[in-house]
Amino acid sequence: MTEKLDLTGLSCPMPVVKTQLAMDKLKAGDLLEVFATDRGALSDIPSWASATGNDMVETDDQGSRLRFVIRKGGASPVPPEHPPPDTPEAAGP
């Protein structure tokens, strides 16, 4: 699922605050497309995403407007020592 969030005209810290609030409503793996005009968001949103375990999929500087696509983290990958049961590795030696 992809949600859109228009933060046009908002200044720091609101783009990050509103992005966090929107991400809280999403499930792991969902995408959030964010539009902002605050130039500080170019560094703030990717830094926030990294610090909170979310993935920056895309950053696009469109001149007067910035666009970010963020994938919500939190999916629990299967650790390598516990492969899925239907793989040869799971059968063991």
N, C-alpha and C. Protein backbone atom coordinates (compact mmCIF):
# COMPACT_ATOMS: atom_id res chain seq x y z
N MET A 1 0.84 -1.17 0.00
CA MET A 1 0.00 0.00 0.00
C MET A 1 0.89 1.24 0.00
N THR A 2 0.50 2.26 -0.74
CA THR A 2 1.23 3.53 -0.77
C THR A 2 0.29 4.65 -0.32
N GLU A 3 0.72 5.38 0.68
CA GLU A 3 -0.01 6.56 1.15
C GLU A 3 0.74 7.80 0.70
N LYS A 4 0.03 8.90 0.53
CA LYS A 4 0.64 10.17 0.15
C LYS A 4 0.46 11.17 1.29
N LEU A 5 1.50 12.01 1.47
CA LEU A 5 1.47 13.02 2.53
C LEU A 5 2.01 14.32 1.96
N ASP A 6 1.18 15.35 1.93
CA ASP A 6 1.58 16.65 1.39
C ASP A 6 1.93 17.58 2.55
N LEU A 7 3.21 17.92 2.66
CA LEU A 7 3.71 18.78 3.72
C LEU A 7 4.14 20.13 3.18
N THR A 8 3.61 20.49 2.02
CA THR A 8 3.94 21.76 1.38
C THR A 8 3.70 22.93 2.33
N GLY A 9 4.71 23.79 2.47
CA GLY A 9 4.59 24.98 3.28
C GLY A 9 4.96 24.81 4.74
N LEU A 10 5.15 23.58 5.19
CA LEU A 10 5.51 23.36 6.60
C LEU A 10 7.02 23.48 6.79
N SER A 11 7.41 24.06 7.92
CA SER A 11 8.82 24.24 8.25
C SER A 11 9.22 23.28 9.35
N CYS A 12 10.53 23.10 9.49
CA CYS A 12 11.12 22.25 10.51
C CYS A 12 10.59 22.65 11.88
N PRO A 13 10.20 21.69 12.66
CA PRO A 13 10.36 20.24 12.58
C PRO A 13 9.14 19.51 12.03
N MET A 14 8.14 20.24 11.55
CA MET A 14 6.87 19.61 11.19
C MET A 14 6.94 18.55 10.10
N PRO A 15 7.79 18.69 9.05
CA PRO A 15 7.84 17.59 8.08
C PRO A 15 8.21 16.25 8.71
N VAL A 16 9.16 16.25 9.63
CA VAL A 16 9.54 14.99 10.29
C VAL A 16 8.44 14.54 11.24
N VAL A 17 7.88 15.46 12.00
CA VAL A 17 6.82 15.11 12.96
C VAL A 17 5.63 14.49 12.24
N LYS A 18 5.18 15.12 11.17
CA LYS A 18 4.00 14.62 10.44
C LYS A 18 4.32 13.32 9.70
N THR A 19 5.57 13.19 9.22
CA THR A 19 5.97 11.93 8.57
C THR A 19 5.92 10.79 9.59
N GLN A 20 6.43 11.03 10.79
CA GLN A 20 6.39 10.01 11.85
C GLN A 20 4.95 9.61 12.16
N LEU A 21 4.07 10.59 12.30
CA LEU A 21 2.67 10.29 12.61
C LEU A 21 2.01 9.46 11.50
N ALA A 22 2.33 9.78 10.26
CA ALA A 22 1.77 9.02 9.13
C ALA A 22 2.34 7.60 9.10
N MET A 23 3.64 7.46 9.37
CA MET A 23 4.27 6.14 9.35
C MET A 23 3.71 5.25 10.45
N ASP A 24 3.35 5.84 11.59
CA ASP A 24 2.80 5.07 12.70
C ASP A 24 1.52 4.34 12.31
N LYS A 25 0.83 4.83 11.30
CA LYS A 25 -0.44 4.23 10.87
C LYS A 25 -0.26 3.13 9.83
N LEU A 26 0.97 2.99 9.31
CA LEU A 26 1.23 2.02 8.24
C LEU A 26 1.73 0.70 8.79
N LYS A 27 1.65 -0.33 7.96
CA LYS A 27 2.18 -1.65 8.30
C LYS A 27 3.58 -1.78 7.71
N ALA A 28 4.37 -2.66 8.28
CA ALA A 28 5.72 -2.92 7.78
C ALA A 28 5.65 -3.24 6.29
N GLY A 29 6.52 -2.60 5.52
CA GLY A 29 6.58 -2.81 4.08
C GLY A 29 5.76 -1.82 3.27
N ASP A 30 4.81 -1.12 3.91
CA ASP A 30 4.02 -0.11 3.21
C ASP A 30 4.90 1.07 2.83
N LEU A 31 4.48 1.81 1.81
CA LEU A 31 5.22 2.98 1.34
C LEU A 31 4.49 4.26 1.69
N LEU A 32 5.27 5.29 1.99
CA LEU A 32 4.74 6.63 2.21
C LEU A 32 5.45 7.56 1.24
N GLU A 33 4.67 8.25 0.41
CA GLU A 33 5.19 9.24 -0.52
C GLU A 33 4.96 10.61 0.10
N VAL A 34 6.05 11.34 0.37
CA VAL A 34 5.99 12.61 1.07
C VAL A 34 6.41 13.73 0.14
N PHE A 35 5.64 14.82 0.15
CA PHE A 35 5.99 16.03 -0.61
C PHE A 35 6.23 17.15 0.40
N ALA A 36 7.35 17.86 0.25
CA ALA A 36 7.68 18.94 1.17
C ALA A 36 8.36 20.08 0.41
N THR A 37 8.34 21.27 1.00
CA THR A 37 9.02 22.42 0.41
C THR A 37 10.15 22.92 1.29
N ASP A 38 10.22 22.47 2.53
CA ASP A 38 11.29 22.87 3.44
C ASP A 38 12.58 22.19 3.01
N ARG A 39 13.58 22.98 2.58
CA ARG A 39 14.84 22.42 2.07
C ARG A 39 15.57 21.61 3.13
N GLY A 40 15.33 21.89 4.40
CA GLY A 40 15.95 21.11 5.46
C GLY A 40 15.51 19.66 5.46
N ALA A 41 14.36 19.40 4.86
CA ALA A 41 13.85 18.02 4.78
C ALA A 41 14.77 17.12 3.96
N LEU A 42 15.57 17.72 3.07
CA LEU A 42 16.51 16.92 2.27
C LEU A 42 17.47 16.12 3.14
N SER A 43 17.85 16.65 4.27
CA SER A 43 18.71 15.90 5.19
C SER A 43 17.90 15.34 6.36
N ASP A 44 16.88 16.07 6.80
CA ASP A 44 16.13 15.65 7.99
C ASP A 44 15.37 14.35 7.79
N ILE A 45 14.66 14.21 6.69
CA ILE A 45 13.82 13.02 6.49
C ILE A 45 14.67 11.77 6.28
N PRO A 46 15.71 11.79 5.44
CA PRO A 46 16.56 10.59 5.35
C PRO A 46 17.23 10.24 6.68
N SER A 47 17.66 11.24 7.44
CA SER A 47 18.28 10.97 8.75
C SER A 47 17.27 10.34 9.70
N TRP A 48 16.06 10.88 9.71
CA TRP A 48 15.00 10.32 10.54
C TRP A 48 14.70 8.88 10.13
N ALA A 49 14.59 8.63 8.82
CA ALA A 49 14.28 7.28 8.34
C ALA A 49 15.33 6.28 8.80
N SER A 50 16.58 6.65 8.66
CA SER A 50 17.67 5.77 9.07
C SER A 50 17.63 5.51 10.58
N ALA A 51 17.40 6.55 11.35
CA ALA A 51 17.40 6.42 12.81
C ALA A 51 16.22 5.61 13.33
N THR A 52 15.14 5.53 12.55
CA THR A 52 13.93 4.84 13.01
C THR A 52 13.73 3.48 12.34
N GLY A 53 14.69 3.03 11.55
CA GLY A 53 14.60 1.70 10.94
C GLY A 53 13.72 1.63 9.71
N ASN A 54 13.46 2.78 9.10
CA ASN A 54 12.69 2.82 7.85
C ASN A 54 13.66 2.97 6.68
N ASP A 55 13.22 2.65 5.48
CA ASP A 55 14.09 2.68 4.31
C ASP A 55 13.70 3.80 3.36
N MET A 56 14.70 4.61 2.99
CA MET A 56 14.48 5.62 1.95
C MET A 56 14.53 4.89 0.61
N VAL A 57 13.44 4.89 -0.09
CA VAL A 57 13.36 4.24 -1.40
C VAL A 57 13.78 5.22 -2.48
N GLU A 58 13.36 6.48 -2.31
CA GLU A 58 13.63 7.48 -3.35
C GLU A 58 13.62 8.88 -2.74
N THR A 59 14.52 9.72 -3.23
CA THR A 59 14.54 11.14 -2.90
C THR A 59 14.63 11.89 -4.21
N ASP A 60 13.72 12.83 -4.43
CA ASP A 60 13.68 13.56 -5.69
C ASP A 60 13.55 15.06 -5.40
N ASP A 61 14.59 15.81 -5.77
CA ASP A 61 14.57 17.26 -5.62
C ASP A 61 13.98 17.84 -6.89
N GLN A 62 12.74 18.28 -6.82
CA GLN A 62 12.02 18.79 -7.98
C GLN A 62 12.11 20.31 -8.08
N GLY A 63 13.12 20.89 -7.42
CA GLY A 63 13.28 22.34 -7.45
C GLY A 63 12.52 23.00 -6.32
N SER A 64 11.30 23.39 -6.58
CA SER A 64 10.51 24.07 -5.55
C SER A 64 9.83 23.08 -4.61
N ARG A 65 9.90 21.80 -4.94
CA ARG A 65 9.24 20.78 -4.13
C ARG A 65 10.13 19.56 -4.03
N LEU A 66 10.11 18.93 -2.88
CA LEU A 66 10.89 17.72 -2.64
C LEU A 66 9.92 16.54 -2.55
N ARG A 67 10.38 15.40 -3.03
CA ARG A 67 9.57 14.18 -2.97
C ARG A 67 10.41 13.07 -2.35
N PHE A 68 9.83 12.39 -1.39
CA PHE A 68 10.49 11.27 -0.74
C PHE A 68 9.56 10.07 -0.77
N VAL A 69 10.13 8.89 -0.98
CA VAL A 69 9.36 7.66 -0.85
C VAL A 69 10.07 6.84 0.23
N ILE A 70 9.30 6.49 1.26
CA ILE A 70 9.85 5.79 2.42
C ILE A 70 9.10 4.48 2.62
N ARG A 71 9.85 3.39 2.83
CA ARG A 71 9.23 2.09 3.13
C ARG A 71 9.29 1.88 4.64
N LYS A 72 8.16 1.57 5.22
CA LYS A 72 8.13 1.34 6.66
C LYS A 72 8.88 0.07 7.00
N GLY A 73 9.79 0.19 7.94
CA GLY A 73 10.55 -0.96 8.41
C GLY A 73 9.74 -1.77 9.40
N GLY A 74 10.40 -2.72 10.00
CA GLY A 74 9.73 -3.50 11.03
C GLY A 74 9.42 -4.92 10.61
N ALA A 75 9.62 -5.24 9.33
CA ALA A 75 9.43 -6.62 8.91
C ALA A 75 10.52 -7.45 9.57
N SER A 76 10.18 -8.60 10.02
CA SER A 76 11.15 -9.46 10.69
C SER A 76 11.69 -10.49 9.71
N PRO A 77 12.87 -10.23 9.14
CA PRO A 77 13.42 -11.22 8.24
C PRO A 77 13.81 -12.47 9.02
N VAL A 78 13.76 -13.60 8.35
CA VAL A 78 14.14 -14.86 8.99
C VAL A 78 15.66 -14.87 9.11
N PRO A 79 16.18 -15.07 10.32
CA PRO A 79 17.64 -15.11 10.47
C PRO A 79 18.23 -16.26 9.67
N PRO A 80 19.46 -16.10 9.16
CA PRO A 80 20.06 -17.16 8.34
C PRO A 80 20.16 -18.50 9.05
N GLU A 81 20.30 -18.50 10.38
CA GLU A 81 20.41 -19.78 11.09
C GLU A 81 19.07 -20.49 11.22
N HIS A 82 17.97 -19.84 10.79
CA HIS A 82 16.64 -20.45 10.82
C HIS A 82 15.98 -20.30 9.45
N PRO A 83 16.41 -21.09 8.45
CA PRO A 83 15.82 -20.95 7.11
C PRO A 83 14.36 -21.41 7.10
N PRO A 84 13.61 -20.92 6.14
CA PRO A 84 12.22 -21.39 6.01
C PRO A 84 12.18 -22.90 5.87
N PRO A 85 11.14 -23.56 6.38
CA PRO A 85 11.09 -25.02 6.39
C PRO A 85 11.10 -25.69 5.02
N ASP A 86 10.75 -24.98 3.96
CA ASP A 86 10.68 -25.62 2.65
C ASP A 86 11.97 -25.44 1.84
N THR A 87 13.10 -25.11 2.48
CA THR A 87 14.36 -24.95 1.79
C THR A 87 15.29 -26.12 2.10
N PRO A 88 16.22 -26.44 1.20
CA PRO A 88 17.16 -27.54 1.44
C PRO A 88 17.97 -27.34 2.73
N GLU A 89 18.26 -26.09 3.06
CA GLU A 89 19.05 -25.81 4.25
C GLU A 89 18.32 -26.26 5.52
N ALA A 90 17.00 -26.25 5.48
CA ALA A 90 16.21 -26.61 6.65
C ALA A 90 16.26 -28.12 6.92
N ALA A 91 16.53 -28.91 5.88
CA ALA A 91 16.57 -30.35 6.04
C ALA A 91 17.76 -30.79 6.88
N GLY A 92 18.80 -29.97 6.89
CA GLY A 92 19.97 -30.29 7.70
C GLY A 92 20.88 -31.29 7.01
N PRO A 93 21.97 -31.67 7.70
CA PRO A 93 22.94 -32.62 7.10
C PRO A 93 22.45 -34.03 7.04
